[in-house]
C-alpha atoms as a PDB file:
ATOM      1  CA  UNK A   1       0.000   0.000   0.000  1.00  0.00           C
ATOM      2  CA  UNK A   2       1.350   3.421  -0.866  1.00  0.00           C
ATOM      3  CA  UNK A   3       2.386   5.783   1.897  1.00  0.00           C
ATOM      4  CA  UNK A   4      -0.371   8.276   1.131  1.00  0.00           C
ATOM      5  CA  UNK A   5      -3.100   5.658   1.144  1.00  0.00           C
ATOM      6  CA  UNK A   6      -1.783   4.283   4.427  1.00  0.00           C
ATOM      7  CA  UNK A   7      -1.779   7.730   6.016  1.00  0.00           C
ATOM      8  CA  UNK A   8      -5.306   8.400   4.775  1.00  0.00           C
ATOM      9  CA  UNK A   9      -6.516   5.091   6.156  1.00  0.00           C
ATOM     10  CA  UNK A  10      -4.988   5.893   9.559  1.00  0.00           C
ATOM     11  CA  UNK A  11      -6.502   9.396   9.570  1.00  0.00           C
ATOM     12  CA  UNK A  12      -9.944   8.122   8.626  1.00  0.00           C
ATOM     13  CA  UNK A  13      -9.693   5.387  11.256  1.00  0.00           C
ATOM     14  CA  UNK A  14      -9.194   8.124  13.834  1.00  0.00           C
ATOM     15  CA  UNK A  15     -12.238   9.908  12.397  1.00  0.00           C
ATOM     16  CA  UNK A  16     -10.225  13.048  11.703  1.00  0.00           C
ATOM     17  CA  UNK A  17     -10.596  15.408   8.746  1.00  0.00           C
ATOM     18  CA  UNK A  18      -7.688  16.557   6.616  1.00  0.00           C
ATOM     19  CA  UNK A  19      -7.774  20.167   7.787  1.00  0.00           C
ATOM     20  CA  UNK A  20      -7.459  19.432  11.492  1.00  0.00           C
ATOM     21  CA  UNK A  21      -4.893  16.699  10.925  1.00  0.00           C
ATOM     22  CA  UNK A  22      -2.766  18.918   8.682  1.00  0.00           C
ATOM     23  CA  UNK A  23      -2.911  21.821  11.125  1.00  0.00           C
ATOM     24  CA  UNK A  24      -1.845  19.633  14.055  1.00  0.00           C
ATOM     25  CA  UNK A  25       0.977  18.179  11.925  1.00  0.00           C
ATOM     26  CA  UNK A  26       2.178  21.641  10.897  1.00  0.00           C
ATOM     27  CA  UNK A  27       1.513  21.265   7.178  1.00  0.00           C
ATOM     28  CA  UNK A  28      -1.129  22.637   4.833  1.00  0.00           C
ATOM     29  CA  UNK A  29      -4.295  20.737   4.058  1.00  0.00           C
ATOM     30  CA  UNK A  30      -3.364  20.934   0.377  1.00  0.00           C
ATOM     31  CA  UNK A  31      -0.037  19.243   1.091  1.00  0.00           C
ATOM     32  CA  UNK A  32      -1.683  16.459   3.104  1.00  0.00           C
ATOM     33  CA  UNK A  33      -4.289  15.994   0.391  1.00  0.00           C
ATOM     34  CA  UNK A  34      -1.598  15.641  -2.278  1.00  0.00           C
ATOM     35  CA  UNK A  35       0.255  13.073  -0.156  1.00  0.00           C
ATOM     36  CA  UNK A  36      -2.901  11.050   0.452  1.00  0.00           C
ATOM     37  CA  UNK A  37      -3.830  11.094  -3.248  1.00  0.00           C
ATOM     38  CA  UNK A  38      -0.349   9.997  -4.269  1.00  0.00           C
ATOM     39  CA  UNK A  39       0.507  13.226  -6.065  1.00  0.00           C
ATOM     40  CA  UNK A  40       3.493  13.460  -3.730  1.00  0.00           C
ATOM     41  CA  UNK A  41       4.657   9.858  -3.695  1.00  0.00           C
ATOM     42  CA  UNK A  42       7.855  10.479  -1.737  1.00  0.00           C
ATOM     43  CA  UNK A  43       7.023  12.970   1.016  1.00  0.00           C
ATOM     44  CA  UNK A  44       9.846  14.204   3.224  1.00  0.00           C
ATOM     45  CA  UNK A  45      10.479  11.908   6.187  1.00  0.00           C
ATOM     46  CA  UNK A  46       9.982  14.785   8.625  1.00  0.00           C
ATOM     47  CA  UNK A  47       6.548  15.372   7.110  1.00  0.00           C
ATOM     48  CA  UNK A  48       5.626  11.702   7.458  1.00  0.00           C
ATOM     49  CA  UNK A  49       6.895  11.708  11.037  1.00  0.00           C
ATOM     50  CA  UNK A  50       4.837  14.825  11.869  1.00  0.00           C
ATOM     51  CA  UNK A  51       1.673  13.280  10.451  1.00  0.00           C
ATOM     52  CA  UNK A  52       2.285  10.012  12.264  1.00  0.00           C
ATOM     53  CA  UNK A  53       3.060  11.791  15.549  1.00  0.00           C
ATOM     54  CA  UNK A  54      -0.208  13.688  15.167  1.00  0.00           C
ATOM     55  CA  UNK A  55      -2.061  10.426  14.578  1.00  0.00           C
ATOM     56  CA  UNK A  56      -0.264   8.708  17.455  1.00  0.00           C
ATOM     57  CA  UNK A  57       1.387   6.106  15.236  1.00  0.00           C
ATOM     58  CA  UNK A  58       4.934   4.827  15.752  1.00  0.00           C
ATOM     59  CA  UNK A  59       7.153   5.943  12.840  1.00  0.00           C
ATOM     60  CA  UNK A  60       9.379   2.869  12.782  1.00  0.00           C
ATOM     61  CA  UNK A  61       6.444   0.465  12.901  1.00  0.00           C
ATOM     62  CA  UNK A  62       4.728   2.366  10.085  1.00  0.00           C
ATOM     63  CA  UNK A  63       7.827   2.276   7.869  1.00  0.00           C
ATOM     64  CA  UNK A  64       8.314  -1.459   8.448  1.00  0.00           C
ATOM     65  CA  UNK A  65       4.662  -2.103   7.578  1.00  0.00           C
ATOM     66  CA  UNK A  66       4.778  -0.027   4.398  1.00  0.00           C
ATOM     67  CA  UNK A  67       8.015  -1.686   3.269  1.00  0.00           C
ATOM     68  CA  UNK A  68       6.550  -5.162   3.738  1.00  0.00           C
ATOM     69  CA  UNK A  69       3.924  -4.379   1.116  1.00  0.00           C
ATOM     70  CA  UNK A  70       6.572  -3.678  -1.534  1.00  0.00           C
ATOM     71  CA  UNK A  71       7.773  -6.648  -3.522  1.00  0.00           C
ATOM     72  CA  UNK A  72      11.568  -7.063  -3.442  1.00  0.00           C
ATOM     73  CA  UNK A  73      11.923  -6.578  -7.212  1.00  0.00           C
ATOM     74  CA  UNK A  74       9.777  -3.449  -7.092  1.00  0.00           C
ATOM     75  CA  UNK A  75      11.849  -2.107  -4.188  1.00  0.00           C
ATOM     76  CA  UNK A  76      15.057  -2.758  -6.133  1.00  0.00           C
ATOM     77  CA  UNK A  77      13.635  -0.918  -9.152  1.00  0.00           C
ATOM     78  CA  UNK A  78      12.798   2.039  -6.937  1.00  0.00           C
ATOM     79  CA  UNK A  79      16.342   2.047  -5.573  1.00  0.00           C
ATOM     80  CA  UNK A  80      17.798   1.864  -9.079  1.00  0.00           C
ATOM     81  CA  UNK A  81      15.936   5.071  -9.983  1.00  0.00           C
ATOM     82  CA  UNK A  82      17.802   6.847  -7.181  1.00  0.00           C
ATOM     83  CA  UNK A  83      20.962   8.382  -8.660  1.00  0.00           C
ATOM     84  CA  UNK A  84      22.868   7.700  -5.408  1.00  0.00           C
ATOM     85  CA  UNK A  85      22.140   3.958  -5.578  1.00  0.00           C
ATOM     86  CA  UNK A  86      24.738   2.561  -7.922  1.00  0.00           C
END
């Protein structure tokens, strides 16, 4: 599951709207909306951490869960696209 979809699912589980969640996380609602829709597919780690802290979700546990949903070949392809991974 993509990061944005996971964050949206967590937010909705809490019963929170985007505006309040974004404000508590210190980002704009537009930014959160773009992350949740996948328009920003690689949000900054500090942004993810702020959203997760707001939602009361452990960052490390979240990252491990998201990474488990990525197939090893797909993860390798993602790494290959990174210019620093050579």
